[in-house]
Amino acid sequence: MNHPDVRINFDTANIYYYNEGVDVAEEMKKILEYIEGVHLKDSNGKPRTWHFPALGEGIVNFPIVRELLNNRGFFGPFTIEIEGIEGENLTLKQTLERMEKSVKHLKKCGF
């Protein structure tokens, strides 16, 4: 569908969850002009593996993600996702700690 009101919400970790042998930057480049929202989420990069740690603790290259988007003129909206790791039951305190780590990491990446 080629319509200006239909756009993509890109998820930086789901690209790894649903695909093998991919790179977030290369996949993002393919659809960059259509991205109008981004879920910032990290991953261990293994397909079909529920492993979404604090941002900066996985393989997603957030500086490149920011650079690609900013160079296109996109500066948000961004949503931080802390979904956790399969089998763990995060407490509120642990979730807030991961959020704090994630925000610190994004700041270091230029967000």
PDB file of N, CA and C in Angstrom:
ATOM      1  N   MET A   1       0.851  -1.151   0.000  1.00  0.00           N
ATOM      2  CA  MET A   1       0.000   0.000   0.000  1.00  0.00           C
ATOM      3  C   MET A   1       0.906   1.226   0.000  1.00  0.00           C
ATOM      4  N   ASN A   2       0.726   2.069  -0.936  1.00  0.00           N
ATOM      5  CA  ASN A   2       1.520   3.289  -1.017  1.00  0.00           C
ATOM      6  C   ASN A   2       0.627   4.473  -0.650  1.00  0.00           C
ATOM      7  N   HIS A   3       0.512   4.718   0.645  1.00  0.00           N
ATOM      8  CA  HIS A   3      -0.325   5.808   1.133  1.00  0.00           C
ATOM      9  C   HIS A   3       0.452   6.558   2.213  1.00  0.00           C
ATOM     10  N   PRO A   4       0.463   7.883   2.199  1.00  0.00           N
ATOM     11  CA  PRO A   4       1.262   8.648   3.162  1.00  0.00           C
ATOM     12  C   PRO A   4       0.854   8.465   4.617  1.00  0.00           C
ATOM     13  N   ASP A   5      -0.341   7.959   4.867  1.00  0.00           N
ATOM     14  CA  ASP A   5      -0.792   7.766   6.245  1.00  0.00           C
ATOM     15  C   ASP A   5      -0.526   6.362   6.769  1.00  0.00           C
ATOM     16  N   VAL A   6       0.026   5.489   5.942  1.00  0.00           N
ATOM     17  CA  VAL A   6       0.343   4.130   6.377  1.00  0.00           C
ATOM     18  C   VAL A   6       1.862   4.041   6.496  1.00  0.00           C
ATOM     19  N   ARG A   7       2.345   3.883   7.724  1.00  0.00           N
ATOM     20  CA  ARG A   7       3.774   3.873   7.985  1.00  0.00           C
ATOM     21  C   ARG A   7       4.138   2.717   8.901  1.00  0.00           C
ATOM     22  N   ILE A   8       5.413   2.609   9.242  1.00  0.00           N
ATOM     23  CA  ILE A   8       5.939   1.470   9.994  1.00  0.00           C
ATOM     24  C   ILE A   8       6.388   1.898  11.377  1.00  0.00           C
ATOM     25  N   ASN A   9       6.073   1.059  12.358  1.00  0.00           N
ATOM     26  CA  ASN A   9       6.630   1.176  13.697  1.00  0.00           C
ATOM     27  C   ASN A   9       7.711   0.090  13.784  1.00  0.00           C
ATOM     28  N   PHE A  10       8.959   0.482  13.697  1.00  0.00           N
ATOM     29  CA  PHE A  10      10.083  -0.459  13.624  1.00  0.00           C
ATOM     30  C   PHE A  10      10.495  -0.890  15.024  1.00  0.00           C
ATOM     31  N   ASP A  11      10.694  -2.192  15.209  1.00  0.00           N
ATOM     32  CA  ASP A  11      11.122  -2.741  16.497  1.00  0.00           C
ATOM     33  C   ASP A  11      12.546  -3.275  16.345  1.00  0.00           C
ATOM     34  N   THR A  12      13.476  -2.706  17.097  1.00  0.00           N
ATOM     35  CA  THR A  12      14.896  -3.034  16.933  1.00  0.00           C
ATOM     36  C   THR A  12      15.273  -4.433  17.382  1.00  0.00           C
ATOM     37  N   ALA A  13      14.451  -5.079  18.191  1.00  0.00           N
ATOM     38  CA  ALA A  13      14.758  -6.445  18.632  1.00  0.00           C
ATOM     39  C   ALA A  13      13.923  -7.492  17.908  1.00  0.00           C
ATOM     40  N   ASN A  14      12.696  -7.140  17.548  1.00  0.00           N
ATOM     41  CA  ASN A  14      11.856  -8.124  16.867  1.00  0.00           C
ATOM     42  C   ASN A  14      12.422  -8.517  15.510  1.00  0.00           C
ATOM     43  N   ILE A  15      13.215  -7.645  14.920  1.00  0.00           N
ATOM     44  CA  ILE A  15      13.854  -7.990  13.651  1.00  0.00           C
ATOM     45  C   ILE A  15      14.731  -9.229  13.829  1.00  0.00           C
ATOM     46  N   TYR A  16      15.327  -9.371  15.013  1.00  0.00           N
ATOM     47  CA  TYR A  16      16.136 -10.562  15.320  1.00  0.00           C
ATOM     48  C   TYR A  16      15.260 -11.731  15.774  1.00  0.00           C
ATOM     49  N   TYR A  17      14.216 -11.436  16.501  1.00  0.00           N
ATOM     50  CA  TYR A  17      13.342 -12.488  17.020  1.00  0.00           C
ATOM     51  C   TYR A  17      12.689 -13.283  15.878  1.00  0.00           C
ATOM     52  N   TYR A  18      12.275 -12.580  14.831  1.00  0.00           N
ATOM     53  CA  TYR A  18      11.528 -13.221  13.748  1.00  0.00           C
ATOM     54  C   TYR A  18      12.372 -13.613  12.535  1.00  0.00           C
ATOM     55  N   ASN A  19      13.660 -13.313  12.550  1.00  0.00           N
ATOM     56  CA  ASN A  19      14.501 -13.570  11.377  1.00  0.00           C
ATOM     57  C   ASN A  19      15.864 -14.116  11.767  1.00  0.00           C
ATOM     58  N   GLU A  20      16.469 -14.884  10.888  1.00  0.00           N
ATOM     59  CA  GLU A  20      17.828 -15.389  11.086  1.00  0.00           C
ATOM     60  C   GLU A  20      18.790 -14.620  10.194  1.00  0.00           C
ATOM     61  N   GLY A  21      20.001 -14.414  10.682  1.00  0.00           N
ATOM     62  CA  GLY A  21      21.057 -13.831   9.869  1.00  0.00           C
ATOM     63  C   GLY A  21      20.802 -12.409   9.410  1.00  0.00           C
ATOM     64  N   VAL A  22      20.156 -11.610  10.244  1.00  0.00           N
ATOM     65  CA  VAL A  22      19.865 -10.225   9.869  1.00  0.00           C
ATOM     66  C   VAL A  22      20.711  -9.250  10.691  1.00  0.00           C
ATOM     67  N   ASP A  23      20.749  -8.025  10.234  1.00  0.00           N
ATOM     68  CA  ASP A  23      21.418  -6.927  10.930  1.00  0.00           C
ATOM     69  C   ASP A  23      20.421  -5.779  11.014  1.00  0.00           C
ATOM     70  N   VAL A  24      20.239  -5.235  12.197  1.00  0.00           N
ATOM     71  CA  VAL A  24      19.225  -4.201  12.403  1.00  0.00           C
ATOM     72  C   VAL A  24      19.420  -3.021  11.457  1.00  0.00           C
ATOM     73  N   ALA A  25      20.645  -2.569  11.259  1.00  0.00           N
ATOM     74  CA  ALA A  25      20.889  -1.409  10.402  1.00  0.00           C
ATOM     75  C   ALA A  25      20.551  -1.713   8.946  1.00  0.00           C
ATOM     76  N   GLU A  26      20.957  -2.876   8.470  1.00  0.00           N
ATOM     77  CA  GLU A  26      20.687  -3.234   7.074  1.00  0.00           C
ATOM     78  C   GLU A  26      19.194  -3.386   6.823  1.00  0.00           C
ATOM     79  N   GLU A  27      18.479  -3.962   7.775  1.00  0.00           N
ATOM     80  CA  GLU A  27      17.029  -4.110   7.619  1.00  0.00           C
ATOM     81  C   GLU A  27      16.337  -2.753   7.701  1.00  0.00           C
ATOM     82  N   MET A  28      16.812  -1.908   8.593  1.00  0.00           N
ATOM     83  CA  MET A  28      16.228  -0.577   8.738  1.00  0.00           C
ATOM     84  C   MET A  28      16.408   0.243   7.463  1.00  0.00           C
ATOM     85  N   LYS A  29      17.563   0.134   6.834  1.00  0.00           N
ATOM     86  CA  LYS A  29      17.837   0.886   5.602  1.00  0.00           C
ATOM     87  C   LYS A  29      16.821   0.574   4.508  1.00  0.00           C
ATOM     88  N   LYS A  30      16.331  -0.650   4.475  1.00  0.00           N
ATOM     89  CA  LYS A  30      15.395  -1.071   3.429  1.00  0.00           C
ATOM     90  C   LYS A  30      14.057  -0.337   3.504  1.00  0.00           C
ATOM     91  N   ILE A  31      13.686   0.111   4.693  1.00  0.00           N
ATOM     92  CA  ILE A  31      12.361   0.719   4.876  1.00  0.00           C
ATOM     93  C   ILE A  31      12.441   2.077   5.567  1.00  0.00           C
ATOM     94  N   LEU A  32      13.605   2.628   5.645  1.00  0.00           N
ATOM     95  CA  LEU A  32      13.857   3.846   6.428  1.00  0.00           C
ATOM     96  C   LEU A  32      12.865   4.964   6.139  1.00  0.00           C
ATOM     97  N   GLU A  33      12.548   5.177   4.894  1.00  0.00           N
ATOM     98  CA  GLU A  33      11.664   6.289   4.541  1.00  0.00           C
ATOM     99  C   GLU A  33      10.234   6.102   5.047  1.00  0.00           C
ATOM    100  N   TYR A  34       9.878   4.884   5.440  1.00  0.00           N
ATOM    101  CA  TYR A  34       8.519   4.596   5.888  1.00  0.00           C
ATOM    102  C   TYR A  34       8.384   4.515   7.405  1.00  0.00           C
ATOM    103  N   ILE A  35       9.481   4.615   8.137  1.00  0.00           N
ATOM    104  CA  ILE A  35       9.444   4.487   9.600  1.00  0.00           C
ATOM    105  C   ILE A  35       8.932   5.788  10.225  1.00  0.00           C
ATOM    106  N   GLU A  36       7.908   5.654  11.077  1.00  0.00           N
ATOM    107  CA  GLU A  36       7.354   6.817  11.779  1.00  0.00           C
ATOM    108  C   GLU A  36       7.220   6.581  13.276  1.00  0.00           C
ATOM    109  N   GLY A  37       7.741   5.472  13.752  1.00  0.00           N
ATOM    110  CA  GLY A  37       7.758   5.154  15.172  1.00  0.00           C
ATOM    111  C   GLY A  37       8.773   4.046  15.372  1.00  0.00           C
ATOM    112  N   VAL A  38       9.405   4.025  16.557  1.00  0.00           N
ATOM    113  CA  VAL A  38      10.429   3.009  16.816  1.00  0.00           C
ATOM    114  C   VAL A  38      10.301   2.485  18.233  1.00  0.00           C
ATOM    115  N   HIS A  39      10.264   1.160  18.344  1.00  0.00           N
ATOM    116  CA  HIS A  39      10.376   0.497  19.643  1.00  0.00           C
ATOM    117  C   HIS A  39      11.842   0.178  19.855  1.00  0.00           C
ATOM    118  N   LEU A  40      12.443   0.774  20.855  1.00  0.00           N
ATOM    119  CA  LEU A  40      13.837   0.527  21.202  1.00  0.00           C
ATOM    120  C   LEU A  40      13.865  -0.634  22.185  1.00  0.00           C
ATOM    121  N   LYS A  41      14.374  -1.755  21.724  1.00  0.00           N
ATOM    122  CA  LYS A  41      14.412  -2.973  22.524  1.00  0.00           C
ATOM    123  C   LYS A  41      15.678  -3.716  22.151  1.00  0.00           C
ATOM    124  N   ASP A  42      16.327  -4.346  23.116  1.00  0.00           N
ATOM    125  CA  ASP A  42      17.560  -5.084  22.856  1.00  0.00           C
ATOM    126  C   ASP A  42      17.275  -6.573  22.798  1.00  0.00           C
ATOM    127  N   SER A  43      18.227  -7.330  22.283  1.00  0.00           N
ATOM    128  CA  SER A  43      18.051  -8.757  22.047  1.00  0.00           C
ATOM    129  C   SER A  43      19.404  -9.454  22.074  1.00  0.00           C
ATOM    130  N   ASN A  44      19.370 -10.758  22.310  1.00  0.00           N
ATOM    131  CA  ASN A  44      20.609 -11.537  22.174  1.00  0.00           C
ATOM    132  C   ASN A  44      20.823 -11.966  20.727  1.00  0.00           C
ATOM    133  N   GLY A  45      19.876 -11.656  19.861  1.00  0.00           N
ATOM    134  CA  GLY A  45      20.014 -11.922  18.435  1.00  0.00           C
ATOM    135  C   GLY A  45      19.614 -13.304  17.980  1.00  0.00           C
ATOM    136  N   LYS A  46      19.147 -14.136  18.894  1.00  0.00           N
ATOM    137  CA  LYS A  46      18.769 -15.502  18.540  1.00  0.00           C
ATOM    138  C   LYS A  46      17.287 -15.561  18.172  1.00  0.00           C
ATOM    139  N   PRO A  47      16.970 -16.066  16.975  1.00  0.00           N
ATOM    140  CA  PRO A  47      15.575 -16.144  16.551  1.00  0.00           C
ATOM    141  C   PRO A  47      14.714 -16.965  17.512  1.00  0.00           C
ATOM    142  N   ARG A  48      13.492 -16.505  17.691  1.00  0.00           N
ATOM    143  CA  ARG A  48      12.482 -17.175  18.514  1.00  0.00           C
ATOM    144  C   ARG A  48      12.936 -17.397  19.953  1.00  0.00           C
ATOM    145  N   THR A  49      13.813 -16.524  20.424  1.00  0.00           N
ATOM    146  CA  THR A  49      14.310 -16.604  21.798  1.00  0.00           C
ATOM    147  C   THR A  49      13.850 -15.355  22.554  1.00  0.00           C
ATOM    148  N   TRP A  50      13.083 -15.559  23.620  1.00  0.00           N
ATOM    149  CA  TRP A  50      12.576 -14.436  24.411  1.00  0.00           C
ATOM    150  C   TRP A  50      13.694 -13.954  25.329  1.00  0.00           C
ATOM    151  N   HIS A  51      14.520 -13.055  24.798  1.00  0.00           N
ATOM    152  CA  HIS A  51      15.667 -12.533  25.542  1.00  0.00           C
ATOM    153  C   HIS A  51      15.791 -11.042  25.212  1.00  0.00           C
ATOM    154  N   PHE A  52      15.119 -10.218  26.009  1.00  0.00           N
ATOM    155  CA  PHE A  52      15.059  -8.780  25.782  1.00  0.00           C
ATOM    156  C   PHE A  52      15.537  -8.052  27.038  1.00  0.00           C
ATOM    157  N   PRO A  53      16.853  -7.929  27.207  1.00  0.00           N
ATOM    158  CA  PRO A  53      17.423  -7.315  28.411  1.00  0.00           C
ATOM    159  C   PRO A  53      17.352  -5.784  28.362  1.00  0.00           C
ATOM    160  N   ALA A  54      17.968  -5.164  29.346  1.00  0.00           N
ATOM    161  CA  ALA A  54      18.114  -3.704  29.324  1.00  0.00           C
ATOM    162  C   ALA A  54      18.857  -3.306  28.056  1.00  0.00           C
ATOM    163  N   LEU A  55      18.546  -2.129  27.538  1.00  0.00           N
ATOM    164  CA  LEU A  55      19.232  -1.653  26.341  1.00  0.00           C
ATOM    165  C   LEU A  55      20.720  -1.514  26.643  1.00  0.00           C
ATOM    166  N   GLY A  56      21.528  -2.028  25.709  1.00  0.00           N
ATOM    167  CA  GLY A  56      22.973  -2.014  25.895  1.00  0.00           C
ATOM    168  C   GLY A  56      23.521  -3.338  26.372  1.00  0.00           C
ATOM    169  N   GLU A  57      22.638  -4.268  26.728  1.00  0.00           N
ATOM    170  CA  GLU A  57      23.076  -5.578  27.208  1.00  0.00           C
ATOM    171  C   GLU A  57      22.886  -6.667  26.153  1.00  0.00           C
ATOM    172  N   GLY A  58      22.502  -6.277  24.966  1.00  0.00           N
ATOM    173  CA  GLY A  58      22.306  -7.215  23.867  1.00  0.00           C
ATOM    174  C   GLY A  58      23.155  -6.817  22.674  1.00  0.00           C
ATOM    175  N   ILE A  59      22.676  -7.150  21.481  1.00  0.00           N
ATOM    176  CA  ILE A  59      23.481  -6.922  20.273  1.00  0.00           C
ATOM    177  C   ILE A  59      23.010  -5.758  19.415  1.00  0.00           C
ATOM    178  N   VAL A  60      21.905  -5.117  19.751  1.00  0.00           N
ATOM    179  CA  VAL A  60      21.394  -4.032  18.910  1.00  0.00           C
ATOM    180  C   VAL A  60      22.367  -2.851  18.954  1.00  0.00           C
ATOM    181  N   ASN A  61      22.711  -2.366  17.781  1.00  0.00           N
ATOM    182  CA  ASN A  61      23.646  -1.257  17.639  1.00  0.00           C
ATOM    183  C   ASN A  61      22.847   0.053  17.662  1.00  0.00           C
ATOM    184  N   PHE A  62      22.592   0.557  18.854  1.00  0.00           N
ATOM    185  CA  PHE A  62      21.756   1.747  19.000  1.00  0.00           C
ATOM    186  C   PHE A  62      22.379   3.019  18.422  1.00  0.00           C
ATOM    187  N   PRO A  63      23.706   3.216  18.469  1.00  0.00           N
ATOM    188  CA  PRO A  63      24.259   4.406  17.816  1.00  0.00           C
ATOM    189  C   PRO A  63      23.974   4.442  16.306  1.00  0.00           C
ATOM    190  N   ILE A  64      24.049   3.298  15.654  1.00  0.00           N
ATOM    191  CA  ILE A  64      23.761   3.250  14.217  1.00  0.00           C
ATOM    192  C   ILE A  64      22.272   3.479  13.958  1.00  0.00           C
ATOM    193  N   VAL A  65      21.428   2.887  14.794  1.00  0.00           N
ATOM    194  CA  VAL A  65      19.988   3.096  14.664  1.00  0.00           C
ATOM    195  C   VAL A  65      19.677   4.588  14.753  1.00  0.00           C
ATOM    196  N   ARG A  66      20.215   5.254  15.777  1.00  0.00           N
ATOM    197  CA  ARG A  66      19.980   6.698  15.934  1.00  0.00           C
ATOM    198  C   ARG A  66      20.497   7.478  14.742  1.00  0.00           C
ATOM    199  N   GLU A  67      21.699   7.152  14.295  1.00  0.00           N
ATOM    200  CA  GLU A  67      22.301   7.866  13.170  1.00  0.00           C
ATOM    201  C   GLU A  67      21.462   7.730  11.893  1.00  0.00           C
ATOM    202  N   LEU A  68      21.045   6.531  11.586  1.00  0.00           N
ATOM    203  CA  LEU A  68      20.222   6.318  10.394  1.00  0.00           C
ATOM    204  C   LEU A  68      18.931   7.128  10.474  1.00  0.00           C
ATOM    205  N   LEU A  69      18.259   7.056  11.609  1.00  0.00           N
ATOM    206  CA  LEU A  69      16.993   7.760  11.758  1.00  0.00           C
ATOM    207  C   LEU A  69      17.175   9.271  11.753  1.00  0.00           C
ATOM    208  N   ASN A  70      18.132   9.772  12.510  1.00  0.00           N
ATOM    209  CA  ASN A  70      18.354  11.216  12.566  1.00  0.00           C
ATOM    210  C   ASN A  70      18.773  11.780  11.217  1.00  0.00           C
ATOM    211  N   ASN A  71      19.605  11.048  10.486  1.00  0.00           N
ATOM    212  CA  ASN A  71      20.015  11.503   9.156  1.00  0.00           C
ATOM    213  C   ASN A  71      18.838  11.588   8.195  1.00  0.00           C
ATOM    214  N   ARG A  72      17.822  10.789   8.440  1.00  0.00           N
ATOM    215  CA  ARG A  72      16.601  10.833   7.641  1.00  0.00           C
ATOM    216  C   ARG A  72      15.668  11.946   8.112  1.00  0.00           C
ATOM    217  N   GLY A  73      15.980  12.545   9.245  1.00  0.00           N
ATOM    218  CA  GLY A  73      15.143  13.602   9.794  1.00  0.00           C
ATOM    219  C   GLY A  73      14.129  13.105  10.811  1.00  0.00           C
ATOM    220  N   PHE A  74      14.314  11.869  11.273  1.00  0.00           N
ATOM    221  CA  PHE A  74      13.411  11.284  12.267  1.00  0.00           C
ATOM    222  C   PHE A  74      14.033  11.413  13.652  1.00  0.00           C
ATOM    223  N   PHE A  75      13.289  12.024  14.585  1.00  0.00           N
ATOM    224  CA  PHE A  75      13.777  12.219  15.948  1.00  0.00           C
ATOM    225  C   PHE A  75      12.758  11.713  16.978  1.00  0.00           C
ATOM    226  N   GLY A  76      11.856  10.883  16.566  1.00  0.00           N
ATOM    227  CA  GLY A  76      10.886  10.288  17.455  1.00  0.00           C
ATOM    228  C   GLY A  76       9.516  10.295  16.821  1.00  0.00           C
ATOM    229  N   PRO A  77       8.595   9.562  17.390  1.00  0.00           N
ATOM    230  CA  PRO A  77       8.592   9.017  18.736  1.00  0.00           C
ATOM    231  C   PRO A  77       9.356   7.692  18.871  1.00  0.00           C
ATOM    232  N   PHE A  78       9.951   7.540  20.052  1.00  0.00           N
ATOM    233  CA  PHE A  78      10.634   6.315  20.446  1.00  0.00           C
ATOM    234  C   PHE A  78       9.937   5.758  21.687  1.00  0.00           C
ATOM    235  N   THR A  79       9.850   4.444  21.761  1.00  0.00           N
ATOM    236  CA  THR A  79       9.299   3.771  22.932  1.00  0.00           C
ATOM    237  C   THR A  79      10.330   2.776  23.426  1.00  0.00           C
ATOM    238  N   ILE A  80      10.702   2.864  24.691  1.00  0.00           N
ATOM    239  CA  ILE A  80      11.629   1.884  25.272  1.00  0.00           C
ATOM    240  C   ILE A  80      10.808   0.686  25.725  1.00  0.00           C
ATOM    241  N   GLU A  81      11.251  -0.497  25.310  1.00  0.00           N
ATOM    242  CA  GLU A  81      10.577  -1.733  25.723  1.00  0.00           C
ATOM    243  C   GLU A  81      11.507  -2.566  26.592  1.00  0.00           C
ATOM    244  N   ILE A  82      11.039  -2.898  27.768  1.00  0.00           N
ATOM    245  CA  ILE A  82      11.758  -3.795  28.673  1.00  0.00           C
ATOM    246  C   ILE A  82      10.863  -5.021  28.859  1.00  0.00           C
ATOM    247  N   GLU A  83      11.055  -6.015  28.021  1.00  0.00           N
ATOM    248  CA  GLU A  83      10.190  -7.198  28.076  1.00  0.00           C
ATOM    249  C   GLU A  83      10.781  -8.323  28.912  1.00  0.00           C
ATOM    250  N   GLY A  84      12.065  -8.260  29.209  1.00  0.00           N
ATOM    251  CA  GLY A  84      12.674  -9.260  30.072  1.00  0.00           C
ATOM    252  C   GLY A  84      13.162 -10.483  29.321  1.00  0.00           C
ATOM    253  N   ILE A  85      13.538 -11.464  30.106  1.00  0.00           N
ATOM    254  CA  ILE A  85      14.133 -12.697  29.607  1.00  0.00           C
ATOM    255  C   ILE A  85      13.244 -13.858  30.035  1.00  0.00           C
ATOM    256  N   GLU A  86      13.024 -14.778  29.116  1.00  0.00           N
ATOM    257  CA  GLU A  86      12.132 -15.904  29.382  1.00  0.00           C
ATOM    258  C   GLU A  86      12.481 -16.593  30.695  1.00  0.00           C
ATOM    259  N   GLY A  87      11.453 -16.827  31.500  1.00  0.00           N
ATOM    260  CA  GLY A  87      11.622 -17.540  32.763  1.00  0.00           C
ATOM    261  C   GLY A  87      11.795 -16.653  33.975  1.00  0.00           C
ATOM    262  N   GLU A  88      12.116 -15.386  33.780  1.00  0.00           N
ATOM    263  CA  GLU A  88      12.291 -14.517  34.940  1.00  0.00           C
ATOM    264  C   GLU A  88      10.989 -13.801  35.255  1.00  0.00           C
ATOM    265  N   ASN A  89      10.833 -13.465  36.506  1.00  0.00           N
ATOM    266  CA  ASN A  89       9.685 -12.690  36.958  1.00  0.00           C
ATOM    267  C   ASN A  89      10.221 -11.410  37.584  1.00  0.00           C
ATOM    268  N   LEU A  90      10.310 -10.375  36.753  1.00  0.00           N
ATOM    269  CA  LEU A  90      10.876  -9.115  37.227  1.00  0.00           C
ATOM    270  C   LEU A  90       9.981  -8.447  38.263  1.00  0.00           C
ATOM    271  N   THR A  91      10.611  -7.937  39.297  1.00  0.00           N
ATOM    272  CA  THR A  91       9.899  -7.105  40.262  1.00  0.00           C
ATOM    273  C   THR A  91       9.837  -5.691  39.697  1.00  0.00           C
ATOM    274  N   LEU A  92       9.038  -4.861  40.309  1.00  0.00           N
ATOM    275  CA  LEU A  92       8.975  -3.460  39.894  1.00  0.00           C
ATOM    276  C   LEU A  92      10.355  -2.825  40.024  1.00  0.00           C
ATOM    277  N   LYS A  93      11.049  -3.115  41.113  1.00  0.00           N
ATOM    278  CA  LYS A  93      12.382  -2.554  41.328  1.00  0.00           C
ATOM    279  C   LYS A  93      13.345  -2.973  40.215  1.00  0.00           C
ATOM    280  N   GLN A  94      13.322  -4.230  39.840  1.00  0.00           N
ATOM    281  CA  GLN A  94      14.210  -4.710  38.774  1.00  0.00           C
ATOM    282  C   GLN A  94      13.860  -4.069  37.430  1.00  0.00           C
ATOM    283  N   THR A  95      12.582  -3.918  37.176  1.00  0.00           N
ATOM    284  CA  THR A  95      12.142  -3.278  35.934  1.00  0.00           C
ATOM    285  C   THR A  95      12.617  -1.832  35.885  1.00  0.00           C
ATOM    286  N   LEU A  96      12.481  -1.118  36.996  1.00  0.00           N
ATOM    287  CA  LEU A  96      12.929   0.274  37.052  1.00  0.00           C
ATOM    288  C   LEU A  96      14.448   0.376  36.902  1.00  0.00           C
ATOM    289  N   GLU A  97      15.187  -0.576  37.468  1.00  0.00           N
ATOM    290  CA  GLU A  97      16.645  -0.595  37.312  1.00  0.00           C
ATOM    291  C   GLU A  97      17.024  -0.795  35.844  1.00  0.00           C
ATOM    292  N   ARG A  98      16.323  -1.685  35.162  1.00  0.00           N
ATOM    293  CA  ARG A  98      16.600  -1.908  33.733  1.00  0.00           C
ATOM    294  C   ARG A  98      16.237  -0.674  32.913  1.00  0.00           C
ATOM    295  N   MET A  99      15.179  -0.019  33.286  1.00  0.00           N
ATOM    296  CA  MET A  99      14.798   1.202  32.582  1.00  0.00           C
ATOM    297  C   MET A  99      15.874   2.273  32.768  1.00  0.00           C
ATOM    298  N   GLU A 100      16.372   2.405  33.994  1.00  0.00           N
ATOM    299  CA  GLU A 100      17.427   3.384  34.260  1.00  0.00           C
ATOM    300  C   GLU A 100      18.685   3.065  33.455  1.00  0.00           C
ATOM    301  N   LYS A 101      19.097   1.791  33.417  1.00  0.00           N
ATOM    302  CA  LYS A 101      20.251   1.382  32.610  1.00  0.00           C
ATOM    303  C   LYS A 101      20.017   1.693  31.135  1.00  0.00           C
ATOM    304  N   SER A 102      18.809   1.444  30.684  1.00  0.00           N
ATOM    305  CA  SER A 102      18.475   1.664  29.279  1.00  0.00           C
ATOM    306  C   SER A 102      18.557   3.138  28.909  1.00  0.00           C
ATOM    307  N   VAL A 103      18.018   3.992  29.756  1.00  0.00           N
ATOM    308  CA  VAL A 103      18.062   5.434  29.490  1.00  0.00           C
ATOM    309  C   VAL A 103      19.501   5.924  29.475  1.00  0.00           C
ATOM    310  N   LYS A 104      20.313   5.461  30.416  1.00  0.00           N
ATOM    311  CA  LYS A 104      21.723   5.846  30.455  1.00  0.00           C
ATOM    312  C   LYS A 104      22.419   5.406  29.176  1.00  0.00           C
ATOM    313  N   HIS A 105      22.133   4.191  28.734  1.00  0.00           N
ATOM    314  CA  HIS A 105      22.760   3.688  27.499  1.00  0.00           C
ATOM    315  C   HIS A 105      22.333   4.531  26.292  1.00  0.00           C
ATOM    316  N   LEU A 106      21.071   4.852  26.202  1.00  0.00           N
ATOM    317  CA  LEU A 106      20.602   5.658  25.072  1.00  0.00           C
ATOM    318  C   LEU A 106      21.251   7.033  25.069  1.00  0.00           C
ATOM    319  N   LYS A 107      21.420   7.625  26.235  1.00  0.00           N
ATOM    320  CA  LYS A 107      22.086   8.922  26.313  1.00  0.00           C
ATOM    321  C   LYS A 107      23.519   8.834  25.807  1.00  0.00           C
ATOM    322  N   LYS A 108      24.221   7.737  26.162  1.00  0.00           N
ATOM    323  CA  LYS A 108      25.579   7.540  25.670  1.00  0.00           C
ATOM    324  C   LYS A 108      25.610   7.357  24.149  1.00  0.00           C
ATOM    325  N   CYS A 109      24.513   6.872  23.608  1.00  0.00           N
ATOM    326  CA  CYS A 109      24.400   6.639  22.158  1.00  0.00           C
ATOM    327  C   CYS A 109      23.918   7.878  21.408  1.00  0.00           C
ATOM    328  N   GLY A 110      23.677   8.958  22.117  1.00  0.00           N
ATOM    329  CA  GLY A 110      23.289  10.205  21.456  1.00  0.00           C
ATOM    330  C   GLY A 110      21.805  10.474  21.341  1.00  0.00           C
ATOM    331  N   PHE A 111      21.008   9.647  21.983  1.00  0.00           N
ATOM    332  CA  PHE A 111      19.551   9.879  21.944  1.00  0.00           C
ATOM    333  C   PHE A 111      19.182  11.019  22.861  1.00  0.00           C
TER     334      PHE A 111
END
